[in-house]
C-alpha cells in the first residue's frame, strides 16, 4: 500500500485551554500556554503501524506536517510536499497542497491527524477521486464519521480494512460553537476504509433527563467539588443545581457556589477541593466520555477526581459501549472496564468502557 500521512500541527491546541477549537485562535491558544496535541497523536498511530509490520510505502509532508513524527518511529518516508517558510502555523492551503502532492504520487489512502476542519480540507482536495481518507482524531470537535476511535485504531484500520464506505464530513462554525450554538454543516461525502468496531459516527441523543437531574441534585455532598461536563444532559443537572452553566464548556460547583464557568484545565485544577467528582455524559452515537468535546477534563483533572457517568435512557439505547481517549494510554487503561451509568433518580445501567 502507498500511504500518505498528513499532520495538522495546530489541531486541537485550543481545547485544553478552554477555547473549544483553534480556528483563528492559534496565537491566543499559545498565549494561554497551549501545547501541540497532534504530533503525539501522530506518533501513537505510527508506532502502532510499525508494530503491525505491514508492507507500506509511506509518503508524508515536511515539518511540521508529518516528517518528524514519521522518522521518529523508524519509517523512511518520501517527502511529497514541503510547506512554506512560515511553518509554525500551517493553513488549509498547505493541507490541500500536500494532498495534491499525495495524489500526484499515486497514494492508495490518505491518513490525516486533525479535527473536523482538517477532515473538510482533505475531503475537498480528494473530491472527484476514488482515494479514501481516514482521520486520526486530534481536534476539539470531532463530528465527522471519518475518524477512527483512537490513534491506535486508525493504524489497525489501515492494516485490516477490506472495504470502504461513503461517510459524512461535518464541521461547525467555531465562533457559534463558543457562543453555545451547535449547528453541524455537511461539508463533504468521503470514501472511508472500514473495520468493524474501530470507528463510529457521532449523532446527538435525546431523552428526558429531568428525573435524572433531580436525583443528582438531591444527592450532592456539600464537601465535594463537582466538575460538570458539557452537553444537554449536564445542562439539566446544572439547572437542577440552581445555575445556568456553559452548555459546551466545563463548570465547577460546590455547595451552592459556582467556582468556575467554561473553565480551562488550569482553572479546574485551581478550583479542586479535597474531594472531587467529575460528572460526564457520553456523546450520543459514539459513546465517548473523555476525549471528544471536553479536553479540559485532562488526565491531571481526571486523576484528581472520581467519575460519575450519566445519560438518558434513549441515549444508551444507541450505545453498546463507552469510550475514552484522554491522550494518556495508561489512564485510558485504568478507566476501561464495566461502569455504572446513572439513567434516573435511582436507576443505573452497566456499560463497558473500551
C-alpha atoms as a PDB file:
ATOM      1  CA  UNK A   1       0.000   0.000   0.000  1.00  0.00           C
ATOM      2  CA  UNK A   2       1.128   3.528  -0.759  1.00  0.00           C
ATOM      3  CA  UNK A   3       0.043   5.631   2.215  1.00  0.00           C
ATOM      4  CA  UNK A   4       0.018   9.412   2.554  1.00  0.00           C
ATOM      5  CA  UNK A   5       0.269  10.692   6.147  1.00  0.00           C
ATOM      6  CA  UNK A   6      -0.532  14.302   6.950  1.00  0.00           C
ATOM      7  CA  UNK A   7      -0.374  16.063  10.340  1.00  0.00           C
ATOM      8  CA  UNK A   8      -2.132  19.338  11.110  1.00  0.00           C
ATOM      9  CA  UNK A   9       0.284  20.553  13.815  1.00  0.00           C
ATOM     10  CA  UNK A  10      -2.107  23.064  15.375  1.00  0.00           C
ATOM     11  CA  UNK A  11      -5.203  20.843  15.533  1.00  0.00           C
ATOM     12  CA  UNK A  12      -6.744  20.667  18.994  1.00  0.00           C
ATOM     13  CA  UNK A  13      -4.436  23.211  20.622  1.00  0.00           C
ATOM     14  CA  UNK A  14      -7.314  25.398  21.781  1.00  0.00           C
ATOM     15  CA  UNK A  15      -9.209  22.663  23.570  1.00  0.00           C
ATOM     16  CA  UNK A  16      -7.353  22.167  26.819  1.00  0.00           C
ATOM     17  CA  UNK A  17      -7.108  25.922  27.436  1.00  0.00           C
ATOM     18  CA  UNK A  18     -10.865  26.378  27.032  1.00  0.00           C
ATOM     19  CA  UNK A  19     -11.085  27.829  23.513  1.00  0.00           C
ATOM     20  CA  UNK A  20     -13.221  24.962  22.082  1.00  0.00           C
ATOM     21  CA  UNK A  21     -11.171  24.934  18.911  1.00  0.00           C
ATOM     22  CA  UNK A  22      -8.190  26.502  17.201  1.00  0.00           C
ATOM     23  CA  UNK A  23      -9.657  28.162  14.094  1.00  0.00           C
ATOM     24  CA  UNK A  24      -8.393  31.741  14.191  1.00  0.00           C
ATOM     25  CA  UNK A  25      -7.247  31.271  17.794  1.00  0.00           C
ATOM     26  CA  UNK A  26      -3.734  29.838  17.487  1.00  0.00           C
ATOM     27  CA  UNK A  27      -1.984  32.921  18.900  1.00  0.00           C
ATOM     28  CA  UNK A  28      -4.415  33.144  21.808  1.00  0.00           C
ATOM     29  CA  UNK A  29      -4.043  29.424  22.488  1.00  0.00           C
ATOM     30  CA  UNK A  30      -0.269  29.820  22.683  1.00  0.00           C
ATOM     31  CA  UNK A  31      -0.631  32.831  24.996  1.00  0.00           C
ATOM     32  CA  UNK A  32      -2.694  30.637  27.304  1.00  0.00           C
ATOM     33  CA  UNK A  33       0.085  28.054  27.342  1.00  0.00           C
ATOM     34  CA  UNK A  34      -1.380  25.547  24.875  1.00  0.00           C
ATOM     35  CA  UNK A  35       0.868  22.761  23.685  1.00  0.00           C
ATOM     36  CA  UNK A  36       0.561  20.954  20.324  1.00  0.00           C
ATOM     37  CA  UNK A  37      -1.584  17.847  20.560  1.00  0.00           C
ATOM     38  CA  UNK A  38      -1.475  16.430  17.042  1.00  0.00           C
ATOM     39  CA  UNK A  39       2.212  15.361  16.871  1.00  0.00           C
ATOM     40  CA  UNK A  40       1.900  12.945  19.785  1.00  0.00           C
ATOM     41  CA  UNK A  41      -1.342  11.563  18.351  1.00  0.00           C
ATOM     42  CA  UNK A  42       0.503  11.005  15.085  1.00  0.00           C
ATOM     43  CA  UNK A  43       3.367   9.216  16.866  1.00  0.00           C
ATOM     44  CA  UNK A  44       0.911   6.878  18.564  1.00  0.00           C
ATOM     45  CA  UNK A  45      -0.710   5.944  15.268  1.00  0.00           C
ATOM     46  CA  UNK A  46       2.627   5.479  13.513  1.00  0.00           C
ATOM     47  CA  UNK A  47       4.059   3.427  16.378  1.00  0.00           C
ATOM     48  CA  UNK A  48       1.144   1.000  16.154  1.00  0.00           C
ATOM     49  CA  UNK A  49       1.518   0.918  12.361  1.00  0.00           C
ATOM     50  CA  UNK A  50       5.194  -0.009  12.731  1.00  0.00           C
ATOM     51  CA  UNK A  51       4.288  -2.708  15.254  1.00  0.00           C
ATOM     52  CA  UNK A  52       1.867  -4.222  12.768  1.00  0.00           C
ATOM     53  CA  UNK A  53       4.805  -4.699  10.341  1.00  0.00           C
ATOM     54  CA  UNK A  54       2.680  -4.018   7.289  1.00  0.00           C
ATOM     55  CA  UNK A  55       4.168  -3.576   3.842  1.00  0.00           C
ATOM     56  CA  UNK A  56       3.667   0.147   3.357  1.00  0.00           C
ATOM     57  CA  UNK A  57       5.260   2.710   1.081  1.00  0.00           C
ATOM     58  CA  UNK A  58       4.852   5.816   3.221  1.00  0.00           C
ATOM     59  CA  UNK A  59       4.711   9.405   1.968  1.00  0.00           C
ATOM     60  CA  UNK A  60       4.337  12.479   4.134  1.00  0.00           C
ATOM     61  CA  UNK A  61       4.797  16.256   4.200  1.00  0.00           C
ATOM     62  CA  UNK A  62       7.811  18.148   5.510  1.00  0.00           C
ATOM     63  CA  UNK A  63       7.981  19.524   9.044  1.00  0.00           C
ATOM     64  CA  UNK A  64       5.813  20.317  10.900  1.00  0.00           C
ATOM     65  CA  UNK A  65       3.253  18.347   8.887  1.00  0.00           C
ATOM     66  CA  UNK A  66       4.451  14.794   9.482  1.00  0.00           C
ATOM     67  CA  UNK A  67       8.089  14.201   8.552  1.00  0.00           C
ATOM     68  CA  UNK A  68       9.493  14.381  12.095  1.00  0.00           C
ATOM     69  CA  UNK A  69       6.901  12.028  13.598  1.00  0.00           C
ATOM     70  CA  UNK A  70       7.238   9.517  10.753  1.00  0.00           C
ATOM     71  CA  UNK A  71      11.017   9.371  11.116  1.00  0.00           C
ATOM     72  CA  UNK A  72      10.868   9.188  14.929  1.00  0.00           C
ATOM     73  CA  UNK A  73       9.134   5.816  14.816  1.00  0.00           C
ATOM     74  CA  UNK A  74      11.550   4.353  12.284  1.00  0.00           C
ATOM     75  CA  UNK A  75       9.944   4.843   8.881  1.00  0.00           C
ATOM     76  CA  UNK A  76      11.965   6.270   5.998  1.00  0.00           C
ATOM     77  CA  UNK A  77       9.337   8.329   4.212  1.00  0.00           C
ATOM     78  CA  UNK A  78       9.239  10.043   0.856  1.00  0.00           C
ATOM     79  CA  UNK A  79       8.611  13.771   1.329  1.00  0.00           C
ATOM     80  CA  UNK A  80       5.920  14.652  -1.190  1.00  0.00           C
ATOM     81  CA  UNK A  81       5.358  18.261  -0.100  1.00  0.00           C
ATOM     82  CA  UNK A  82       7.308  20.943   1.744  1.00  0.00           C
ATOM     83  CA  UNK A  83       5.269  23.671   3.475  1.00  0.00           C
ATOM     84  CA  UNK A  84       6.296  27.301   3.132  1.00  0.00           C
ATOM     85  CA  UNK A  85       8.852  29.156   5.196  1.00  0.00           C
ATOM     86  CA  UNK A  86       6.347  30.182   7.897  1.00  0.00           C
ATOM     87  CA  UNK A  87       5.750  26.669   9.142  1.00  0.00           C
ATOM     88  CA  UNK A  88       4.668  27.489  12.701  1.00  0.00           C
ATOM     89  CA  UNK A  89       1.037  27.929  11.650  1.00  0.00           C
ATOM     90  CA  UNK A  90       0.110  25.823   8.652  1.00  0.00           C
ATOM     91  CA  UNK A  91      -3.032  26.633   6.684  1.00  0.00           C
ATOM     92  CA  UNK A  92      -5.816  24.936   4.776  1.00  0.00           C
ATOM     93  CA  UNK A  93      -3.867  25.751   1.624  1.00  0.00           C
ATOM     94  CA  UNK A  94      -0.902  23.735   2.946  1.00  0.00           C
ATOM     95  CA  UNK A  95      -3.224  20.791   3.624  1.00  0.00           C
ATOM     96  CA  UNK A  96      -4.678  20.983   0.124  1.00  0.00           C
ATOM     97  CA  UNK A  97      -1.244  21.227  -1.466  1.00  0.00           C
ATOM     98  CA  UNK A  98       0.021  18.226   0.497  1.00  0.00           C
ATOM     99  CA  UNK A  99      -2.959  16.104  -0.539  1.00  0.00           C
ATOM    100  CA  UNK A 100      -2.475  17.178  -4.159  1.00  0.00           C
ATOM    101  CA  UNK A 101       1.137  16.008  -3.921  1.00  0.00           C
ATOM    102  CA  UNK A 102      -0.007  12.681  -2.466  1.00  0.00           C
ATOM    103  CA  UNK A 103      -2.422  12.222  -5.360  1.00  0.00           C
ATOM    104  CA  UNK A 104       0.285  13.017  -7.885  1.00  0.00           C
ATOM    105  CA  UNK A 105       2.437  10.339  -6.243  1.00  0.00           C
ATOM    106  CA  UNK A 106      -0.360   7.785  -6.555  1.00  0.00           C
ATOM    107  CA  UNK A 107      -1.284   7.111  -2.911  1.00  0.00           C
ATOM    108  CA  UNK A 108      -3.930   4.498  -2.110  1.00  0.00           C
ATOM    109  CA  UNK A 109      -5.068   6.120   1.152  1.00  0.00           C
ATOM    110  CA  UNK A 110      -4.623   9.452   2.953  1.00  0.00           C
ATOM    111  CA  UNK A 111      -4.418   9.343   6.754  1.00  0.00           C
ATOM    112  CA  UNK A 112      -4.630  12.762   8.398  1.00  0.00           C
ATOM    113  CA  UNK A 113      -4.208  13.843  12.007  1.00  0.00           C
ATOM    114  CA  UNK A 114      -6.561  16.663  12.925  1.00  0.00           C
ATOM    115  CA  UNK A 115     -10.177  17.567  13.554  1.00  0.00           C
ATOM    116  CA  UNK A 116     -13.281  18.311  11.523  1.00  0.00           C
ATOM    117  CA  UNK A 117     -11.736  21.323   9.777  1.00  0.00           C
ATOM    118  CA  UNK A 118      -8.806  19.236   8.609  1.00  0.00           C
ATOM    119  CA  UNK A 119     -11.212  16.494   7.509  1.00  0.00           C
ATOM    120  CA  UNK A 120     -13.116  19.001   5.376  1.00  0.00           C
ATOM    121  CA  UNK A 121      -9.907  20.332   3.805  1.00  0.00           C
ATOM    122  CA  UNK A 122      -8.655  16.828   2.978  1.00  0.00           C
ATOM    123  CA  UNK A 123     -12.035  15.780   1.599  1.00  0.00           C
ATOM    124  CA  UNK A 124     -12.174  18.857  -0.629  1.00  0.00           C
ATOM    125  CA  UNK A 125      -8.736  18.046  -2.014  1.00  0.00           C
ATOM    126  CA  UNK A 126      -9.769  14.428  -2.677  1.00  0.00           C
ATOM    127  CA  UNK A 127     -13.032  15.369  -4.389  1.00  0.00           C
ATOM    128  CA  UNK A 128     -13.564  13.698  -7.776  1.00  0.00           C
ATOM    129  CA  UNK A 129     -11.052  10.965  -6.913  1.00  0.00           C
ATOM    130  CA  UNK A 130     -11.598   7.461  -5.563  1.00  0.00           C
ATOM    131  CA  UNK A 131      -8.824   7.756  -2.948  1.00  0.00           C
ATOM    132  CA  UNK A 132     -10.218   7.202   0.559  1.00  0.00           C
ATOM    133  CA  UNK A 133      -9.324   9.167   3.686  1.00  0.00           C
ATOM    134  CA  UNK A 134      -9.092   8.241   7.358  1.00  0.00           C
ATOM    135  CA  UNK A 135      -8.860  10.580  10.337  1.00  0.00           C
ATOM    136  CA  UNK A 136      -6.762  10.256  13.469  1.00  0.00           C
ATOM    137  CA  UNK A 137      -8.742  12.345  15.987  1.00  0.00           C
ATOM    138  CA  UNK A 138      -6.762  15.286  17.342  1.00  0.00           C
ATOM    139  CA  UNK A 139      -9.202  18.192  17.149  1.00  0.00           C
ATOM    140  CA  UNK A 140     -11.597  19.566  19.743  1.00  0.00           C
ATOM    141  CA  UNK A 141     -14.715  18.958  17.677  1.00  0.00           C
ATOM    142  CA  UNK A 142     -14.972  15.592  16.003  1.00  0.00           C
ATOM    143  CA  UNK A 143     -18.439  15.464  14.465  1.00  0.00           C
ATOM    144  CA  UNK A 144     -17.447  13.681  11.248  1.00  0.00           C
ATOM    145  CA  UNK A 145     -17.759   9.927  10.869  1.00  0.00           C
ATOM    146  CA  UNK A 146     -14.428   9.616   9.040  1.00  0.00           C
ATOM    147  CA  UNK A 147     -12.358   9.205  12.232  1.00  0.00           C
ATOM    148  CA  UNK A 148     -11.061   6.118  13.965  1.00  0.00           C
ATOM    149  CA  UNK A 149     -11.851   5.978  17.672  1.00  0.00           C
ATOM    150  CA  UNK A 150      -8.181   6.336  18.664  1.00  0.00           C
ATOM    151  CA  UNK A 151      -4.737   6.725  17.046  1.00  0.00           C
ATOM    152  CA  UNK A 152      -4.025   3.031  17.528  1.00  0.00           C
ATOM    153  CA  UNK A 153      -7.358   2.057  15.974  1.00  0.00           C
ATOM    154  CA  UNK A 154      -6.503   4.159  12.913  1.00  0.00           C
ATOM    155  CA  UNK A 155      -3.346   2.115  12.372  1.00  0.00           C
ATOM    156  CA  UNK A 156      -5.313  -1.104  12.766  1.00  0.00           C
ATOM    157  CA  UNK A 157      -7.821   0.072  10.160  1.00  0.00           C
ATOM    158  CA  UNK A 158      -5.011   0.823   7.710  1.00  0.00           C
ATOM    159  CA  UNK A 159      -3.779  -2.755   8.061  1.00  0.00           C
ATOM    160  CA  UNK A 160      -7.103  -4.571   8.358  1.00  0.00           C
ATOM    161  CA  UNK A 161      -9.700  -2.805   6.221  1.00  0.00           C
ATOM    162  CA  UNK A 162     -11.235  -4.738   3.356  1.00  0.00           C
ATOM    163  CA  UNK A 163     -13.870  -2.292   2.175  1.00  0.00           C
ATOM    164  CA  UNK A 164     -14.744   1.397   2.097  1.00  0.00           C
ATOM    165  CA  UNK A 165     -17.960   3.251   2.860  1.00  0.00           C
ATOM    166  CA  UNK A 166     -19.272   6.678   1.946  1.00  0.00           C
ATOM    167  CA  UNK A 167     -19.339   8.763   5.116  1.00  0.00           C
ATOM    168  CA  UNK A 168     -20.181  12.322   6.069  1.00  0.00           C
ATOM    169  CA  UNK A 169     -17.662  15.067   6.772  1.00  0.00           C
ATOM    170  CA  UNK A 170     -19.227  17.575   9.160  1.00  0.00           C
ATOM    171  CA  UNK A 171     -17.927  20.849  10.536  1.00  0.00           C
ATOM    172  CA  UNK A 172     -19.281  23.608  12.726  1.00  0.00           C
ATOM    173  CA  UNK A 173     -18.583  27.314  12.985  1.00  0.00           C
ATOM    174  CA  UNK A 174     -16.286  27.695  15.988  1.00  0.00           C
ATOM    175  CA  UNK A 175     -17.470  31.226  16.807  1.00  0.00           C
ATOM    176  CA  UNK A 176     -21.052  29.940  17.021  1.00  0.00           C
ATOM    177  CA  UNK A 177     -19.749  26.944  18.997  1.00  0.00           C
ATOM    178  CA  UNK A 178     -18.080  29.239  21.531  1.00  0.00           C
ATOM    179  CA  UNK A 179     -21.371  31.163  21.801  1.00  0.00           C
ATOM    180  CA  UNK A 180     -23.211  27.960  22.673  1.00  0.00           C
ATOM    181  CA  UNK A 181     -24.727  27.065  19.306  1.00  0.00           C
ATOM    182  CA  UNK A 182     -24.009  23.738  17.629  1.00  0.00           C
ATOM    183  CA  UNK A 183     -25.159  23.551  14.018  1.00  0.00           C
ATOM    184  CA  UNK A 184     -23.138  20.904  12.209  1.00  0.00           C
ATOM    185  CA  UNK A 185     -22.843  21.540   8.484  1.00  0.00           C
ATOM    186  CA  UNK A 186     -22.369  18.782   5.946  1.00  0.00           C
ATOM    187  CA  UNK A 187     -19.132  19.622   4.149  1.00  0.00           C
ATOM    188  CA  UNK A 188     -18.497  16.538   2.028  1.00  0.00           C
ATOM    189  CA  UNK A 189     -19.164  12.861   1.460  1.00  0.00           C
ATOM    190  CA  UNK A 190     -15.915  10.905   1.514  1.00  0.00           C
ATOM    191  CA  UNK A 191     -14.812   7.338   0.940  1.00  0.00           C
ATOM    192  CA  UNK A 192     -13.503   5.877   4.217  1.00  0.00           C
ATOM    193  CA  UNK A 193     -11.844   2.500   4.939  1.00  0.00           C
ATOM    194  CA  UNK A 194     -13.907   0.472   7.374  1.00  0.00           C
ATOM    195  CA  UNK A 195     -13.007  -2.070  10.061  1.00  0.00           C
ATOM    196  CA  UNK A 196     -15.852  -3.145  12.320  1.00  0.00           C
ATOM    197  CA  UNK A 197     -15.679  -1.822  15.880  1.00  0.00           C
ATOM    198  CA  UNK A 198     -12.808   0.574  15.233  1.00  0.00           C
ATOM    199  CA  UNK A 199     -14.731   3.676  14.219  1.00  0.00           C
ATOM    200  CA  UNK A 200     -18.105   5.236  14.791  1.00  0.00           C
ATOM    201  CA  UNK A 201     -20.266   8.176  13.796  1.00  0.00           C
ATOM    202  CA  UNK A 202     -21.466  10.966  16.047  1.00  0.00           C
ATOM    203  CA  UNK A 203     -25.131  11.614  16.455  1.00  0.00           C
ATOM    204  CA  UNK A 204     -26.961  13.616  19.074  1.00  0.00           C
ATOM    205  CA  UNK A 205     -29.015  11.611  21.521  1.00  0.00           C
ATOM    206  CA  UNK A 206     -32.116  12.824  23.285  1.00  0.00           C
ATOM    207  CA  UNK A 207     -34.428  11.771  26.090  1.00  0.00           C
ATOM    208  CA  UNK A 208     -35.991  13.075  29.268  1.00  0.00           C
ATOM    209  CA  UNK A 209     -33.412  13.878  31.895  1.00  0.00           C
ATOM    210  CA  UNK A 210     -35.417  15.861  34.446  1.00  0.00           C
ATOM    211  CA  UNK A 211     -35.743  12.978  36.918  1.00  0.00           C
ATOM    212  CA  UNK A 212     -32.074  12.132  36.499  1.00  0.00           C
ATOM    213  CA  UNK A 213     -31.100  15.756  37.131  1.00  0.00           C
ATOM    214  CA  UNK A 214     -33.298  15.953  40.223  1.00  0.00           C
ATOM    215  CA  UNK A 215     -31.722  12.769  41.557  1.00  0.00           C
ATOM    216  CA  UNK A 216     -28.209  14.111  41.086  1.00  0.00           C
ATOM    217  CA  UNK A 217     -29.124  17.438  42.702  1.00  0.00           C
ATOM    218  CA  UNK A 218     -30.677  15.640  45.669  1.00  0.00           C
ATOM    219  CA  UNK A 219     -27.567  13.553  46.282  1.00  0.00           C
ATOM    220  CA  UNK A 220     -24.875  16.238  46.235  1.00  0.00           C
ATOM    221  CA  UNK A 221     -22.361  16.305  49.062  1.00  0.00           C
ATOM    222  CA  UNK A 222     -21.621  19.851  50.305  1.00  0.00           C
ATOM    223  CA  UNK A 223     -17.988  18.879  50.905  1.00  0.00           C
ATOM    224  CA  UNK A 224     -17.466  17.646  47.330  1.00  0.00           C
ATOM    225  CA  UNK A 225     -16.383  19.764  44.365  1.00  0.00           C
ATOM    226  CA  UNK A 226     -18.303  18.813  41.216  1.00  0.00           C
ATOM    227  CA  UNK A 227     -16.756  19.210  37.768  1.00  0.00           C
ATOM    228  CA  UNK A 228     -19.669  19.227  35.341  1.00  0.00           C
ATOM    229  CA  UNK A 229     -19.008  18.464  31.700  1.00  0.00           C
ATOM    230  CA  UNK A 230     -20.682  19.855  28.586  1.00  0.00           C
ATOM    231  CA  UNK A 231     -23.900  18.766  26.909  1.00  0.00           C
ATOM    232  CA  UNK A 232     -27.660  18.932  27.293  1.00  0.00           C
ATOM    233  CA  UNK A 233     -27.846  16.247  29.993  1.00  0.00           C
ATOM    234  CA  UNK A 234     -25.355  18.120  32.149  1.00  0.00           C
ATOM    235  CA  UNK A 235     -27.213  21.338  31.322  1.00  0.00           C
ATOM    236  CA  UNK A 236     -30.312  19.898  33.006  1.00  0.00           C
ATOM    237  CA  UNK A 237     -28.220  18.917  36.033  1.00  0.00           C
ATOM    238  CA  UNK A 238     -26.753  22.408  36.262  1.00  0.00           C
ATOM    239  CA  UNK A 239     -30.263  23.861  36.160  1.00  0.00           C
ATOM    240  CA  UNK A 240     -31.355  21.491  38.925  1.00  0.00           C
ATOM    241  CA  UNK A 241     -28.397  22.721  40.970  1.00  0.00           C
ATOM    242  CA  UNK A 242     -29.676  26.275  40.528  1.00  0.00           C
ATOM    243  CA  UNK A 243     -27.421  27.847  37.923  1.00  0.00           C
ATOM    244  CA  UNK A 244     -27.169  28.300  34.174  1.00  0.00           C
ATOM    245  CA  UNK A 245     -23.904  26.726  33.126  1.00  0.00           C
ATOM    246  CA  UNK A 246     -21.879  26.800  29.966  1.00  0.00           C
ATOM    247  CA  UNK A 247     -23.657  24.438  27.520  1.00  0.00           C
ATOM    248  CA  UNK A 248     -20.444  23.496  25.734  1.00  0.00           C
ATOM    249  CA  UNK A 249     -17.922  24.080  28.467  1.00  0.00           C
ATOM    250  CA  UNK A 250     -16.947  22.636  31.839  1.00  0.00           C
ATOM    251  CA  UNK A 251     -18.283  24.254  35.024  1.00  0.00           C
ATOM    252  CA  UNK A 252     -17.133  23.729  38.623  1.00  0.00           C
ATOM    253  CA  UNK A 253     -19.641  23.829  41.525  1.00  0.00           C
ATOM    254  CA  UNK A 254     -19.508  23.214  45.261  1.00  0.00           C
ATOM    255  CA  UNK A 255     -22.162  23.628  47.964  1.00  0.00           C
ATOM    256  CA  UNK A 256     -24.328  26.093  46.047  1.00  0.00           C
ATOM    257  CA  UNK A 257     -21.463  28.147  44.655  1.00  0.00           C
ATOM    258  CA  UNK A 258     -20.229  28.235  41.063  1.00  0.00           C
ATOM    259  CA  UNK A 259     -16.436  28.208  41.307  1.00  0.00           C
ATOM    260  CA  UNK A 260     -15.651  28.384  37.581  1.00  0.00           C
ATOM    261  CA  UNK A 261     -17.673  28.666  34.391  1.00  0.00           C
ATOM    262  CA  UNK A 262     -16.491  27.481  30.986  1.00  0.00           C
ATOM    263  CA  UNK A 263     -13.265  26.583  32.732  1.00  0.00           C
ATOM    264  CA  UNK A 264      -9.897  25.705  31.247  1.00  0.00           C
ATOM    265  CA  UNK A 265      -7.807  22.827  32.575  1.00  0.00           C
ATOM    266  CA  UNK A 266      -5.814  25.218  34.769  1.00  0.00           C
ATOM    267  CA  UNK A 267      -8.957  26.845  36.187  1.00  0.00           C
ATOM    268  CA  UNK A 268     -10.436  23.435  37.010  1.00  0.00           C
ATOM    269  CA  UNK A 269      -7.266  22.354  38.799  1.00  0.00           C
ATOM    270  CA  UNK A 270      -7.230  25.606  40.790  1.00  0.00           C
ATOM    271  CA  UNK A 271     -10.839  25.027  41.907  1.00  0.00           C
ATOM    272  CA  UNK A 272     -10.414  21.439  43.094  1.00  0.00           C
ATOM    273  CA  UNK A 273     -11.014  20.594  46.734  1.00  0.00           C
ATOM    274  CA  UNK A 274     -10.135  17.623  48.906  1.00  0.00           C
ATOM    275  CA  UNK A 275     -12.927  15.514  47.374  1.00  0.00           C
ATOM    276  CA  UNK A 276     -13.849  15.932  43.720  1.00  0.00           C
ATOM    277  CA  UNK A 277     -16.308  14.267  41.332  1.00  0.00           C
ATOM    278  CA  UNK A 278     -16.452  14.620  37.564  1.00  0.00           C
ATOM    279  CA  UNK A 279     -19.927  14.156  36.084  1.00  0.00           C
ATOM    280  CA  UNK A 280     -19.994  13.486  32.349  1.00  0.00           C
ATOM    281  CA  UNK A 281     -22.428  12.171  29.774  1.00  0.00           C
ATOM    282  CA  UNK A 282     -21.365  10.150  26.717  1.00  0.00           C
ATOM    283  CA  UNK A 283     -21.539  11.593  23.235  1.00  0.00           C
ATOM    284  CA  UNK A 284     -24.596  10.152  21.530  1.00  0.00           C
ATOM    285  CA  UNK A 285     -23.767   7.584  18.853  1.00  0.00           C
ATOM    286  CA  UNK A 286     -20.053   7.444  19.718  1.00  0.00           C
ATOM    287  CA  UNK A 287     -20.078   6.846  23.458  1.00  0.00           C
ATOM    288  CA  UNK A 288     -17.014   8.920  24.337  1.00  0.00           C
ATOM    289  CA  UNK A 289     -16.995  10.135  27.938  1.00  0.00           C
ATOM    290  CA  UNK A 290     -13.482  11.639  27.708  1.00  0.00           C
ATOM    291  CA  UNK A 291     -11.543  12.790  24.661  1.00  0.00           C
ATOM    292  CA  UNK A 292     -14.235  14.378  22.494  1.00  0.00           C
ATOM    293  CA  UNK A 293     -15.542  17.875  23.179  1.00  0.00           C
ATOM    294  CA  UNK A 294     -14.148  18.047  26.740  1.00  0.00           C
ATOM    295  CA  UNK A 295     -10.317  18.169  26.582  1.00  0.00           C
ATOM    296  CA  UNK A 296     -10.344  20.488  29.608  1.00  0.00           C
ATOM    297  CA  UNK A 297     -11.011  17.263  31.532  1.00  0.00           C
ATOM    298  CA  UNK A 298      -7.377  16.349  31.148  1.00  0.00           C
ATOM    299  CA  UNK A 299      -5.541  13.401  32.696  1.00  0.00           C
ATOM    300  CA  UNK A 300      -4.426  15.686  35.524  1.00  0.00           C
ATOM    301  CA  UNK A 301      -8.044  16.596  36.279  1.00  0.00           C
ATOM    302  CA  UNK A 302      -9.337  13.032  35.969  1.00  0.00           C
ATOM    303  CA  UNK A 303      -6.653  11.634  38.274  1.00  0.00           C
ATOM    304  CA  UNK A 304      -7.783  14.049  40.999  1.00  0.00           C
ATOM    305  CA  UNK A 305     -11.457  13.059  40.947  1.00  0.00           C
ATOM    306  CA  UNK A 306     -13.923  10.215  40.922  1.00  0.00           C
ATOM    307  CA  UNK A 307     -16.032   9.858  37.772  1.00  0.00           C
ATOM    308  CA  UNK A 308     -19.808   9.555  37.533  1.00  0.00           C
ATOM    309  CA  UNK A 309     -21.376   8.858  34.134  1.00  0.00           C
ATOM    310  CA  UNK A 310     -24.968   9.910  33.487  1.00  0.00           C
ATOM    311  CA  UNK A 311     -27.181   9.553  30.432  1.00  0.00           C
ATOM    312  CA  UNK A 312     -30.767   9.485  29.285  1.00  0.00           C
ATOM    313  CA  UNK A 313     -32.216   6.054  28.622  1.00  0.00           C
ATOM    314  CA  UNK A 314     -32.715   6.893  24.947  1.00  0.00           C
ATOM    315  CA  UNK A 315     -29.071   7.813  24.540  1.00  0.00           C
ATOM    316  CA  UNK A 316     -27.963   4.487  25.972  1.00  0.00           C
ATOM    317  CA  UNK A 317     -30.326   2.661  23.626  1.00  0.00           C
ATOM    318  CA  UNK A 318     -27.975   3.713  20.817  1.00  0.00           C
ATOM    319  CA  UNK A 319     -24.767   2.738  22.615  1.00  0.00           C
ATOM    320  CA  UNK A 320     -23.159  -0.652  23.082  1.00  0.00           C
ATOM    321  CA  UNK A 321     -20.011   0.606  24.834  1.00  0.00           C
ATOM    322  CA  UNK A 322     -18.437   3.717  26.311  1.00  0.00           C
ATOM    323  CA  UNK A 323     -15.098   5.019  25.049  1.00  0.00           C
ATOM    324  CA  UNK A 324     -12.175   7.044  26.398  1.00  0.00           C
ATOM    325  CA  UNK A 325      -9.298   8.752  24.602  1.00  0.00           C
ATOM    326  CA  UNK A 326      -7.537  11.006  27.119  1.00  0.00           C
ATOM    327  CA  UNK A 327      -4.085  11.363  25.465  1.00  0.00           C
ATOM    328  CA  UNK A 328      -2.778   9.151  28.302  1.00  0.00           C
ATOM    329  CA  UNK A 329      -2.857   5.455  27.308  1.00  0.00           C
ATOM    330  CA  UNK A 330      -2.148   4.358  30.883  1.00  0.00           C
ATOM    331  CA  UNK A 331      -5.119   6.343  32.187  1.00  0.00           C
ATOM    332  CA  UNK A 332      -7.292   5.023  29.355  1.00  0.00           C
ATOM    333  CA  UNK A 333      -6.442   1.505  30.507  1.00  0.00           C
ATOM    334  CA  UNK A 334      -7.348   2.360  34.113  1.00  0.00           C
ATOM    335  CA  UNK A 335     -10.726   3.758  33.024  1.00  0.00           C
ATOM    336  CA  UNK A 336     -11.677   0.706  30.968  1.00  0.00           C
ATOM    337  CA  UNK A 337     -14.000  -1.955  32.324  1.00  0.00           C
ATOM    338  CA  UNK A 338     -17.609  -2.146  33.446  1.00  0.00           C
ATOM    339  CA  UNK A 339     -19.098   1.075  34.811  1.00  0.00           C
ATOM    340  CA  UNK A 340     -22.460   2.088  36.239  1.00  0.00           C
ATOM    341  CA  UNK A 341     -24.275   4.743  34.219  1.00  0.00           C
ATOM    342  CA  UNK A 342     -26.975   6.614  36.095  1.00  0.00           C
ATOM    343  CA  UNK A 343     -30.142   6.929  33.999  1.00  0.00           C
ATOM    344  CA  UNK A 344     -32.718   8.065  36.571  1.00  0.00           C
ATOM    345  CA  UNK A 345     -33.282   9.209  40.125  1.00  0.00           C
ATOM    346  CA  UNK A 346     -32.149   5.812  41.394  1.00  0.00           C
ATOM    347  CA  UNK A 347     -31.769   3.593  38.309  1.00  0.00           C
ATOM    348  CA  UNK A 348     -28.455   2.641  36.757  1.00  0.00           C
ATOM    349  CA  UNK A 349     -27.283   0.527  33.864  1.00  0.00           C
ATOM    350  CA  UNK A 350     -23.997  -1.278  33.419  1.00  0.00           C
ATOM    351  CA  UNK A 351     -21.955  -0.405  30.326  1.00  0.00           C
ATOM    352  CA  UNK A 352     -18.425  -1.360  29.438  1.00  0.00           C
ATOM    353  CA  UNK A 353     -15.730   1.254  28.821  1.00  0.00           C
ATOM    354  CA  UNK A 354     -13.409   0.170  25.993  1.00  0.00           C
END
